[in-house]
N, C-alpha and C. Protein backbone atom coordinates (compact mmCIF):
# COMPACT_ATOMS: atom_id res chain seq x y z
N SER A 1 0.84 -1.29 0.07
CA SER A 1 0.03 -0.19 -0.25
C SER A 1 1.18 1.27 -0.03
N PHE A 2 0.53 2.45 -0.94
CA PHE A 2 1.13 3.55 -0.57
C PHE A 2 -0.26 4.77 -0.44
N ASP A 3 0.92 5.99 0.03
CA ASP A 3 -0.05 6.97 0.69
C ASP A 3 -0.23 8.12 -0.75
N ILE A 4 -1.28 8.31 -0.97
CA ILE A 4 -1.41 9.24 -1.98
C ILE A 4 -1.85 10.46 -1.44
N PRO A 5 -0.72 11.36 -2.24
CA PRO A 5 -0.67 12.74 -1.78
C PRO A 5 -2.11 13.49 -1.68
N THR A 6 -2.15 14.13 -0.82
CA THR A 6 -3.44 15.32 -1.09
C THR A 6 -3.07 16.51 -0.77
N LEU A 7 -3.67 17.48 -2.02
CA LEU A 7 -3.62 18.75 -1.93
C LEU A 7 -4.76 19.26 -2.14
N VAL A 8 -4.92 20.54 -1.46
CA VAL A 8 -6.01 21.41 -1.79
C VAL A 8 -5.43 22.49 -2.60
N ALA A 9 -5.77 22.67 -3.90
CA ALA A 9 -5.50 24.02 -4.58
C ALA A 9 -6.79 24.63 -5.27
N PRO A 10 -6.89 25.75 -4.57
CA PRO A 10 -8.08 26.60 -4.88
C PRO A 10 -7.90 27.13 -6.17
N ASN A 11 -9.11 27.68 -6.75
CA ASN A 11 -8.89 28.05 -8.51
C ASN A 11 -7.68 29.57 -8.15
N GLY A 12 -7.44 30.27 -9.06
CA GLY A 12 -6.66 31.12 -9.07
C GLY A 12 -7.22 32.54 -10.39
N VAL A 13 -6.58 33.29 -10.33
CA VAL A 13 -6.94 34.30 -11.15
C VAL A 13 -5.62 34.99 -11.91
N ASP A 14 -5.97 35.91 -12.72
CA ASP A 14 -4.83 36.60 -13.50
C ASP A 14 -5.26 38.00 -13.03
N PRO A 15 -4.01 38.72 -12.11
CA PRO A 15 -5.06 39.98 -11.56
C PRO A 15 -4.46 40.93 -12.52
N ALA A 16 -3.56 40.75 -13.58
CA ALA A 16 -3.19 41.41 -14.60
C ALA A 16 -4.74 41.83 -15.49
N PHE A 17 -5.25 40.87 -15.60
CA PHE A 17 -6.32 41.36 -16.24
C PHE A 17 -7.33 42.36 -15.85
N PHE A 18 -7.65 42.09 -14.36
CA PHE A 18 -8.46 43.19 -13.79
C PHE A 18 -7.80 44.51 -13.46
N ASP A 19 -6.18 44.70 -13.43
CA ASP A 19 -6.12 45.90 -13.73
C ASP A 19 -5.61 46.99 -14.91
N ILE A 20 -6.77 47.43 -15.11
CA ILE A 20 -7.57 48.30 -16.08
C ILE A 20 -7.16 49.92 -15.87
N PRO A 21 -6.86 50.64 -16.67
CA PRO A 21 -6.88 51.90 -16.58
C PRO A 21 -7.71 52.68 -16.56
N GLU A 22 -9.05 52.60 -16.36
CA GLU A 22 -10.30 53.16 -16.28
C GLU A 22 -10.12 53.34 -14.52
N THR A 23 -10.83 54.56 -14.17
CA THR A 23 -10.92 54.97 -12.62
C THR A 23 -12.30 54.34 -12.25
N ARG A 24 -12.69 54.54 -11.20
CA ARG A 24 -13.96 54.02 -10.94
C ARG A 24 -15.24 54.88 -11.53
N GLU A 25 -14.76 56.14 -11.27
CA GLU A 25 -15.55 57.27 -12.12
C GLU A 25 -15.54 56.98 -13.65
N GLN A 26 -14.68 56.86 -14.47
CA GLN A 26 -14.52 56.79 -15.64
C GLN A 26 -15.81 55.58 -15.77
N ALA A 27 -15.18 54.08 -15.30
CA ALA A 27 -15.81 52.88 -15.39
C ALA A 27 -17.67 53.38 -15.06
N ARG A 28 -17.95 53.93 -14.42
CA ARG A 28 -19.48 54.41 -14.09
C ARG A 28 -19.27 55.04 -15.31
N THR A 29 -18.81 56.13 -15.54
CA THR A 29 -19.54 57.10 -17.26
C THR A 29 -19.48 56.27 -18.37
N LYS A 30 -18.93 55.20 -18.44
CA LYS A 30 -18.53 54.65 -19.48
C LYS A 30 -20.23 53.48 -19.53
N LEU A 31 -20.43 52.81 -18.38
CA LEU A 31 -21.38 52.09 -18.09
C LEU A 31 -22.90 52.71 -17.66
N GLY A 32 -22.95 54.19 -17.64
CA GLY A 32 -24.16 55.02 -17.76
C GLY A 32 -24.45 54.80 -16.13
N LEU A 33 -23.57 54.62 -15.07
CA LEU A 33 -24.29 54.17 -13.89
C LEU A 33 -23.62 55.18 -12.65
N PRO A 34 -24.63 55.50 -11.63
CA PRO A 34 -24.75 57.04 -11.25
C PRO A 34 -23.17 56.82 -10.33
N GLN A 35 -22.67 58.09 -10.18
CA GLN A 35 -21.34 58.23 -9.64
C GLN A 35 -21.42 58.32 -8.02
N ASP A 36 -22.78 59.01 -7.45
CA ASP A 36 -23.19 59.26 -6.30
C ASP A 36 -23.44 58.09 -5.56
N LYS A 37 -23.82 56.97 -5.77
CA LYS A 37 -24.23 55.95 -5.21
C LYS A 37 -23.39 54.86 -4.91
N ILE A 38 -22.97 53.88 -3.97
CA ILE A 38 -22.50 52.93 -3.36
C ILE A 38 -23.00 51.97 -4.16
N ILE A 39 -22.14 51.13 -4.83
CA ILE A 39 -22.41 50.31 -5.66
C ILE A 39 -22.43 48.74 -5.39
N ILE A 40 -23.64 47.85 -5.11
CA ILE A 40 -23.45 46.64 -4.40
C ILE A 40 -23.65 45.69 -5.91
N GLY A 41 -22.86 44.91 -6.16
CA GLY A 41 -22.97 44.31 -7.40
C GLY A 41 -22.76 42.80 -7.17
N TYR A 42 -23.34 41.89 -8.24
CA TYR A 42 -22.78 40.68 -8.60
C TYR A 42 -22.84 40.69 -10.29
N VAL A 43 -21.50 39.82 -10.13
CA VAL A 43 -20.95 39.56 -11.57
C VAL A 43 -21.04 37.70 -11.61
N GLY A 44 -22.10 37.63 -12.42
CA GLY A 44 -22.08 36.22 -13.03
C GLY A 44 -23.12 35.63 -13.29
N ARG A 45 -22.94 34.00 -13.32
CA ARG A 45 -24.22 33.41 -13.77
C ARG A 45 -25.67 33.58 -12.88
N LEU A 46 -26.99 33.29 -13.30
CA LEU A 46 -28.25 33.25 -12.68
C LEU A 46 -28.35 31.90 -12.09
N GLU A 47 -27.88 30.87 -12.50
CA GLU A 47 -27.96 29.67 -12.11
C GLU A 47 -26.61 29.00 -12.77
N VAL A 48 -26.66 27.83 -11.94
CA VAL A 48 -25.53 26.81 -12.32
C VAL A 48 -26.42 25.45 -11.74
N ALA A 49 -26.25 24.51 -12.77
CA ALA A 49 -26.71 23.23 -13.02
C ALA A 49 -27.95 23.13 -12.67
N GLY A 50 -28.57 24.43 -13.47
CA GLY A 50 -30.18 24.54 -13.10
C GLY A 50 -30.65 25.13 -11.87
N LYS A 51 -29.55 25.42 -11.07
CA LYS A 51 -30.20 26.11 -9.62
C LYS A 51 -29.93 27.48 -9.73
N ASP A 52 -30.70 28.30 -8.79
CA ASP A 52 -30.56 29.39 -8.55
C ASP A 52 -29.17 29.76 -7.83
N LYS A 53 -28.45 30.50 -8.11
CA LYS A 53 -26.98 31.10 -7.70
C LYS A 53 -27.16 32.06 -6.32
N GLY A 54 -28.71 32.40 -6.03
CA GLY A 54 -28.78 32.95 -4.75
C GLY A 54 -29.32 34.44 -5.34
N ILE A 55 -29.33 34.61 -6.71
CA ILE A 55 -29.72 36.45 -6.92
C ILE A 55 -30.90 36.92 -6.05
N GLY A 56 -31.87 35.92 -5.92
CA GLY A 56 -33.40 35.91 -5.60
C GLY A 56 -32.91 36.68 -4.25
N MET A 57 -32.08 35.86 -3.44
CA MET A 57 -31.92 36.05 -1.88
C MET A 57 -31.33 37.87 -1.71
N LEU A 58 -30.77 37.85 -2.93
CA LEU A 58 -29.69 39.05 -3.02
C LEU A 58 -30.65 40.34 -3.44
N LYS A 59 -31.34 40.34 -4.14
CA LYS A 59 -32.63 41.24 -4.37
C LYS A 59 -33.25 41.41 -2.90
N GLU A 60 -33.65 40.32 -2.50
CA GLU A 60 -34.69 40.47 -1.36
C GLU A 60 -33.89 41.44 -0.14
N ALA A 61 -32.10 40.86 0.01
CA ALA A 61 -31.60 41.36 0.86
C ALA A 61 -31.36 42.85 0.73
N TYR A 62 -31.70 43.25 -0.89
CA TYR A 62 -31.04 44.93 -0.92
C TYR A 62 -32.47 45.67 -0.82
N GLU A 63 -33.74 44.81 -0.57
CA GLU A 63 -34.91 45.25 -0.37
C GLU A 63 -35.15 45.90 1.11
N ASN A 64 -34.11 44.71 1.71
CA ASN A 64 -34.16 44.65 3.71
C ASN A 64 -33.51 45.55 3.99
N MET A 65 -32.59 46.40 3.17
CA MET A 65 -31.23 47.04 3.71
C MET A 65 -32.09 48.37 4.26
N SER A 66 -31.53 48.69 5.44
CA SER A 66 -32.00 49.58 6.13
C SER A 66 -31.20 50.92 5.65
N ARG A 67 -30.09 50.92 5.12
CA ARG A 67 -29.27 52.15 4.58
C ARG A 67 -29.43 52.24 3.10
N ARG A 68 -30.59 51.75 2.21
CA ARG A 68 -30.50 51.72 0.99
C ARG A 68 -30.71 52.81 0.31
N ALA A 69 -30.59 54.17 0.90
CA ALA A 69 -30.71 55.61 -0.12
C ALA A 69 -29.59 55.85 -0.71
N PRO A 70 -28.44 55.61 -0.36
CA PRO A 70 -27.22 55.59 -0.95
C PRO A 70 -26.51 54.59 -1.62
N VAL A 71 -27.34 53.67 -2.04
CA VAL A 71 -27.12 52.49 -2.75
C VAL A 71 -27.55 52.08 -3.97
N GLU A 72 -26.95 51.40 -4.72
CA GLU A 72 -27.53 50.92 -6.08
C GLU A 72 -27.39 49.65 -6.07
N LEU A 73 -28.17 48.43 -6.54
CA LEU A 73 -27.98 47.15 -6.99
C LEU A 73 -27.73 47.20 -8.22
N LEU A 74 -26.63 46.35 -8.44
CA LEU A 74 -25.94 46.00 -10.09
C LEU A 74 -26.11 44.56 -10.31
N LEU A 75 -26.41 44.22 -10.90
CA LEU A 75 -26.52 42.20 -11.39
C LEU A 75 -25.99 42.46 -12.99
N VAL A 76 -24.85 41.89 -12.87
CA VAL A 76 -24.46 41.83 -14.39
C VAL A 76 -24.17 40.35 -14.36
N THR A 77 -25.03 39.83 -15.54
CA THR A 77 -25.44 38.49 -15.84
C THR A 77 -24.98 37.76 -17.11
N SER A 78 -24.74 38.63 -18.21
CA SER A 78 -24.46 38.61 -19.32
C SER A 78 -23.84 39.40 -20.05
N VAL A 79 -22.21 39.43 -19.70
CA VAL A 79 -21.63 40.39 -20.71
C VAL A 79 -20.57 39.23 -20.96
N PRO A 80 -19.50 40.19 -22.46
CA PRO A 80 -18.32 39.08 -22.85
C PRO A 80 -17.47 39.65 -21.36
N TYR A 81 -16.78 38.46 -21.41
CA TYR A 81 -15.65 38.13 -20.57
C TYR A 81 -15.01 39.61 -20.37
N ARG A 82 -14.23 39.83 -21.35
CA ARG A 82 -13.41 41.23 -21.43
C ARG A 82 -14.03 42.37 -20.98
N GLN A 83 -15.32 42.42 -20.47
CA GLN A 83 -15.69 43.53 -19.82
C GLN A 83 -16.24 43.73 -18.68
N ILE A 84 -15.82 42.48 -17.99
CA ILE A 84 -16.01 42.38 -16.34
C ILE A 84 -15.15 43.18 -15.63
N PRO A 85 -13.93 43.11 -16.13
CA PRO A 85 -12.67 44.22 -15.09
C PRO A 85 -13.59 45.67 -15.01
N LEU A 86 -14.39 46.12 -16.07
CA LEU A 86 -15.00 47.45 -16.16
C LEU A 86 -15.98 47.56 -15.28
N TYR A 87 -16.76 46.37 -15.33
CA TYR A 87 -17.68 46.30 -14.66
C TYR A 87 -17.65 46.29 -13.04
N LEU A 88 -16.59 45.85 -12.49
CA LEU A 88 -16.40 45.46 -11.67
C LEU A 88 -15.36 46.58 -10.64
N ARG A 89 -14.63 47.46 -11.87
CA ARG A 89 -14.29 48.62 -11.10
C ARG A 89 -15.17 49.66 -11.10
N ALA A 90 -16.49 49.79 -11.58
CA ALA A 90 -17.37 50.33 -11.27
C ALA A 90 -18.13 50.42 -9.64
N ILE A 91 -18.32 48.94 -9.43
CA ILE A 91 -18.79 48.38 -7.99
C ILE A 91 -17.88 48.56 -7.03
N ASP A 92 -18.44 48.85 -5.82
CA ASP A 92 -17.85 49.10 -4.50
C ASP A 92 -17.74 47.69 -3.75
N ILE A 93 -19.10 47.30 -3.72
CA ILE A 93 -18.76 46.02 -2.69
C ILE A 93 -19.70 45.09 -3.54
N ALA A 94 -18.38 43.86 -3.96
CA ALA A 94 -18.96 42.63 -5.04
C ALA A 94 -19.66 41.54 -3.73
N VAL A 95 -20.58 41.07 -4.27
CA VAL A 95 -21.40 39.79 -3.39
C VAL A 95 -21.15 38.83 -4.00
N ILE A 96 -21.19 37.56 -3.51
CA ILE A 96 -21.13 36.33 -3.46
C ILE A 96 -22.40 35.71 -2.71
N PRO A 97 -23.70 35.77 -3.50
CA PRO A 97 -24.65 34.96 -2.36
C PRO A 97 -25.30 33.70 -2.36
N PHE A 98 -24.44 32.99 -1.77
CA PHE A 98 -24.68 31.67 -1.90
C PHE A 98 -25.99 30.72 -1.18
N PRO A 99 -26.62 30.35 -2.09
CA PRO A 99 -27.92 29.79 -1.67
C PRO A 99 -27.85 28.75 -0.61
N GLY A 100 -27.00 28.03 -0.14
CA GLY A 100 -26.86 27.15 0.72
C GLY A 100 -27.26 26.03 0.24
N ASP A 101 -27.09 25.70 -0.99
CA ASP A 101 -27.54 24.03 -1.37
C ASP A 101 -26.27 23.28 -1.47
N GLN A 102 -26.06 22.24 -1.80
CA GLN A 102 -25.02 21.25 -1.76
C GLN A 102 -23.82 21.94 -2.90
N HIS A 103 -24.26 22.41 -4.04
CA HIS A 103 -23.39 22.64 -4.93
C HIS A 103 -22.44 24.08 -4.38
N ALA A 104 -23.06 24.79 -3.61
CA ALA A 104 -22.59 26.19 -3.20
C ALA A 104 -21.54 26.02 -2.16
N LYS A 105 -21.87 24.95 -1.41
CA LYS A 105 -21.16 24.33 -0.23
C LYS A 105 -19.47 23.75 -0.73
N THR A 106 -20.02 22.91 -2.04
CA THR A 106 -19.05 22.21 -2.45
C THR A 106 -17.95 22.78 -3.61
N THR A 107 -17.63 24.23 -3.77
CA THR A 107 -17.03 24.69 -5.12
C THR A 107 -16.21 25.86 -4.38
N SER A 108 -15.17 26.53 -5.36
CA SER A 108 -14.46 26.98 -5.42
C SER A 108 -14.91 28.30 -6.23
N PRO A 109 -15.52 29.30 -6.26
CA PRO A 109 -15.84 29.93 -7.44
C PRO A 109 -14.97 30.91 -7.37
N ILE A 110 -14.58 30.73 -9.00
CA ILE A 110 -13.57 31.80 -9.78
C ILE A 110 -13.92 33.28 -9.24
N LYS A 111 -15.15 33.29 -9.23
CA LYS A 111 -15.62 34.96 -9.04
C LYS A 111 -15.14 35.28 -7.82
N LEU A 112 -15.19 34.72 -6.71
CA LEU A 112 -14.26 35.12 -5.53
C LEU A 112 -12.93 35.90 -5.84
N TYR A 113 -11.87 35.08 -6.68
CA TYR A 113 -10.74 35.77 -7.01
C TYR A 113 -10.86 36.52 -7.98
N GLU A 114 -11.70 36.88 -8.59
CA GLU A 114 -11.76 38.15 -9.72
C GLU A 114 -12.25 39.13 -8.80
N TYR A 115 -13.29 38.81 -8.02
CA TYR A 115 -13.29 40.03 -6.97
C TYR A 115 -12.25 40.76 -6.16
N MET A 116 -11.42 39.84 -5.75
CA MET A 116 -10.03 40.32 -4.97
C MET A 116 -9.05 41.11 -6.23
N ALA A 117 -8.93 40.27 -7.17
CA ALA A 117 -7.96 40.90 -8.06
C ALA A 117 -8.63 42.09 -8.48
N ALA A 118 -9.99 42.44 -8.43
CA ALA A 118 -10.33 43.52 -9.08
C ALA A 118 -10.45 44.72 -7.75
N GLY A 119 -10.14 43.80 -6.36
CA GLY A 119 -10.07 45.30 -5.09
C GLY A 119 -11.13 45.33 -4.67
N LYS A 120 -12.16 44.67 -4.83
CA LYS A 120 -13.39 44.81 -4.03
C LYS A 120 -13.74 44.50 -2.84
N ALA A 121 -14.15 45.19 -1.55
CA ALA A 121 -14.95 44.55 -0.51
C ALA A 121 -15.96 43.50 -0.92
N ILE A 122 -15.90 42.27 -0.02
CA ILE A 122 -16.30 41.27 -0.94
C ILE A 122 -17.20 40.86 0.54
N VAL A 123 -19.06 40.40 -0.04
CA VAL A 123 -19.72 39.76 1.15
C VAL A 123 -19.95 38.57 0.71
N VAL A 124 -19.91 37.55 1.36
CA VAL A 124 -20.12 36.49 0.89
C VAL A 124 -21.20 35.98 1.89
N SER A 125 -22.41 35.48 1.35
CA SER A 125 -23.37 34.71 2.54
C SER A 125 -23.19 33.43 2.26
N ASP A 126 -23.12 32.91 3.48
CA ASP A 126 -22.73 31.21 3.13
C ASP A 126 -23.88 30.54 4.01
N TYR A 127 -25.18 31.24 4.11
CA TYR A 127 -26.41 30.47 4.21
C TYR A 127 -27.74 31.08 3.87
N PRO A 128 -28.57 30.86 3.28
CA PRO A 128 -29.81 31.43 2.52
C PRO A 128 -30.95 32.58 3.81
N ASP A 129 -30.09 33.61 4.14
CA ASP A 129 -30.74 34.40 5.27
C ASP A 129 -30.64 35.64 4.71
N PRO A 130 -31.66 36.14 4.17
CA PRO A 130 -31.25 37.55 2.83
C PRO A 130 -31.63 38.82 4.15
N LYS A 131 -32.24 38.11 5.39
CA LYS A 131 -32.20 39.72 6.38
C LYS A 131 -30.48 39.68 7.29
N ARG A 132 -29.96 38.60 6.98
CA ARG A 132 -28.79 38.41 7.44
C ARG A 132 -27.67 39.39 6.65
N LEU A 133 -27.96 38.60 5.50
CA LEU A 133 -27.15 39.40 4.48
C LEU A 133 -27.52 40.91 4.44
N ALA A 134 -28.65 41.64 4.58
CA ALA A 134 -28.78 42.97 4.37
C ALA A 134 -28.28 43.38 5.49
N GLU A 135 -28.08 42.73 6.93
CA GLU A 135 -27.03 43.60 7.75
C GLU A 135 -25.65 43.74 7.30
N MET A 136 -25.29 42.39 6.84
CA MET A 136 -23.94 42.65 6.49
C MET A 136 -23.57 44.00 5.48
N LEU A 137 -24.54 43.88 4.59
CA LEU A 137 -24.62 45.18 3.36
C LEU A 137 -24.62 46.51 4.11
N ASP A 138 -25.37 46.57 4.74
CA ASP A 138 -25.52 47.68 5.76
C ASP A 138 -24.40 48.23 6.59
N ASP A 139 -23.59 46.93 7.21
CA ASP A 139 -22.54 47.61 8.08
C ASP A 139 -21.70 47.98 7.39
N LEU A 140 -21.41 47.42 6.25
CA LEU A 140 -20.41 47.94 5.03
C LEU A 140 -20.68 49.42 4.31
N VAL A 141 -21.56 49.61 4.05
CA VAL A 141 -22.27 50.52 3.84
C VAL A 141 -21.96 51.86 4.61
N ALA A 142 -22.44 51.64 5.70
CA ALA A 142 -22.21 52.40 7.11
C ALA A 142 -20.53 52.97 6.94
N ASP A 143 -19.68 52.21 6.27
CA ASP A 143 -18.15 52.50 6.74
C ASP A 143 -17.41 52.60 5.66
N PRO A 144 -17.83 53.34 4.67
CA PRO A 144 -16.86 53.82 3.32
C PRO A 144 -15.26 53.58 3.36
N GLU A 145 -14.74 53.76 4.65
CA GLU A 145 -13.16 53.43 4.54
C GLU A 145 -13.06 52.08 4.62
N ARG A 146 -13.89 51.24 5.49
CA ARG A 146 -13.73 50.13 5.58
C ARG A 146 -13.86 49.17 4.09
N ILE A 147 -15.04 49.82 3.46
CA ILE A 147 -15.23 49.17 1.97
C ILE A 147 -13.66 49.53 1.28
N LYS A 148 -13.02 50.46 1.20
CA LYS A 148 -11.82 50.75 0.55
C LYS A 148 -10.76 49.58 0.79
N THR A 149 -10.77 49.81 2.33
CA THR A 149 -9.32 49.17 3.11
C THR A 149 -9.77 47.70 2.70
N LEU A 150 -10.95 47.15 2.69
CA LEU A 150 -11.17 45.80 2.14
C LEU A 150 -10.46 45.37 0.89
N GLY A 151 -11.23 46.52 0.48
CA GLY A 151 -10.88 46.25 -1.41
C GLY A 151 -9.26 46.22 -1.48
N LEU A 152 -8.33 47.09 -0.79
CA LEU A 152 -6.99 46.88 -0.74
C LEU A 152 -6.17 45.51 -0.45
N GLN A 153 -6.74 44.80 0.45
CA GLN A 153 -6.33 43.82 1.37
C GLN A 153 -6.87 42.62 -0.05
N ALA A 154 -7.98 43.11 -0.36
CA ALA A 154 -8.66 41.69 -1.23
C ALA A 154 -7.30 41.50 -2.25
N ARG A 155 -7.37 42.94 -3.03
CA ARG A 155 -6.07 43.14 -4.34
C ARG A 155 -4.96 42.00 -4.10
N GLU A 156 -4.11 42.51 -2.74
CA GLU A 156 -3.25 42.25 -2.30
C GLU A 156 -3.24 40.55 -2.05
N LYS A 157 -4.26 39.85 -1.10
CA LYS A 157 -4.07 38.84 -1.29
C LYS A 157 -4.40 37.92 -2.41
N ALA A 158 -5.43 38.76 -3.44
CA ALA A 158 -5.08 38.10 -4.99
C ALA A 158 -3.91 37.44 -5.49
N LYS A 159 -2.79 38.27 -4.97
CA LYS A 159 -1.74 38.45 -5.78
C LYS A 159 -0.79 36.66 -5.35
N SER A 160 -1.50 36.10 -4.20
CA SER A 160 -0.88 34.91 -3.52
C SER A 160 -1.94 33.55 -4.27
N HIS A 161 -2.86 34.17 -5.30
CA HIS A 161 -3.86 33.20 -6.07
C HIS A 161 -3.55 33.34 -7.21
N THR A 162 -2.67 33.36 -7.71
CA THR A 162 -2.59 33.23 -9.37
C THR A 162 -2.57 32.22 -9.97
N TRP A 163 -2.84 32.02 -11.18
CA TRP A 163 -2.58 30.27 -12.09
C TRP A 163 -1.41 29.91 -12.06
N ASP A 164 -0.46 30.65 -12.28
CA ASP A 164 1.12 30.48 -11.93
C ASP A 164 1.22 29.53 -10.76
N ILE A 165 0.69 30.30 -9.39
CA ILE A 165 1.03 29.81 -8.09
C ILE A 165 0.32 28.63 -7.74
N ARG A 166 -0.80 28.24 -8.62
CA ARG A 166 -1.91 27.33 -8.57
C ARG A 166 -0.77 25.95 -9.12
N ALA A 167 -0.55 26.40 -10.25
CA ALA A 167 0.17 25.48 -11.15
C ALA A 167 1.65 24.77 -10.49
N ARG A 168 2.12 25.81 -10.03
CA ARG A 168 3.57 25.42 -9.17
C ARG A 168 3.53 24.82 -8.12
N THR A 169 2.21 24.99 -7.31
CA THR A 169 2.04 24.13 -6.05
C THR A 169 1.55 22.40 -6.47
N ILE A 170 0.78 22.56 -7.80
CA ILE A 170 0.33 21.15 -7.98
C ILE A 170 1.57 20.69 -8.84
N LEU A 171 2.42 21.05 -9.24
CA LEU A 171 3.39 20.40 -10.07
C LEU A 171 4.63 20.17 -9.26
N ASN A 172 4.62 20.85 -8.18
CA ASN A 172 5.65 20.43 -6.90
C ASN A 172 5.17 19.25 -5.95
N LEU A 173 3.97 19.06 -6.09
CA LEU A 173 3.24 17.89 -5.35
C LEU A 173 3.47 16.71 -6.20
N ILE A 174 3.13 16.75 -7.74
CA ILE A 174 3.73 15.74 -8.54
C ILE A 174 5.23 15.89 -8.39
N ASN A 175 5.64 16.86 -8.93
CA ASN A 175 7.63 16.12 -8.65
C ASN A 175 8.11 15.64 -7.42
N ASP A 176 7.46 15.86 -6.28
CA ASP A 176 7.87 15.28 -4.76
C ASP A 176 7.20 14.04 -4.99
N ASP A 177 6.25 13.54 -5.37
CA ASP A 177 5.86 12.11 -5.13
C ASP A 177 6.44 11.41 -6.35
N ILE A 178 7.09 11.84 -7.40
CA ILE A 178 7.69 10.56 -8.50
C ILE A 178 8.88 10.39 -7.78
């Protein structure tokens, strides 16, 4: 009998792809979005394997927010991939609204790493509770400096989750085992 090595290698991202020249304001102008709002956004598909990815819950959470006046919700569900960095530049808070089903509990969404590389404050709902998600969003909207700080931290962390690093990690395991 021999031991089979186990490795957890999360998804990765190409940070350079999200390093676009447009400022937040320029991105919003190009996309026809308001300059004076905090934009909470979701970028991705509505469904996976025929199941809702939590967009209904996100909409309900937005409706339940107590600090909704300075906020706009943006759902980007069908654009060419090369346009995603522009949309992410325009967004202040990026959301991953996991609906709590088995698929959501067993995936490593690339969207997380894209949000990180784009320097977004990220809110991840790990259970299907729109009221709790609304509270999380309200807390962040109340603290614009925290939005910026979390975004900078996310961008820095994305540098350790590149595709090159992921490939090297996997190759090192394979080479060590040979």
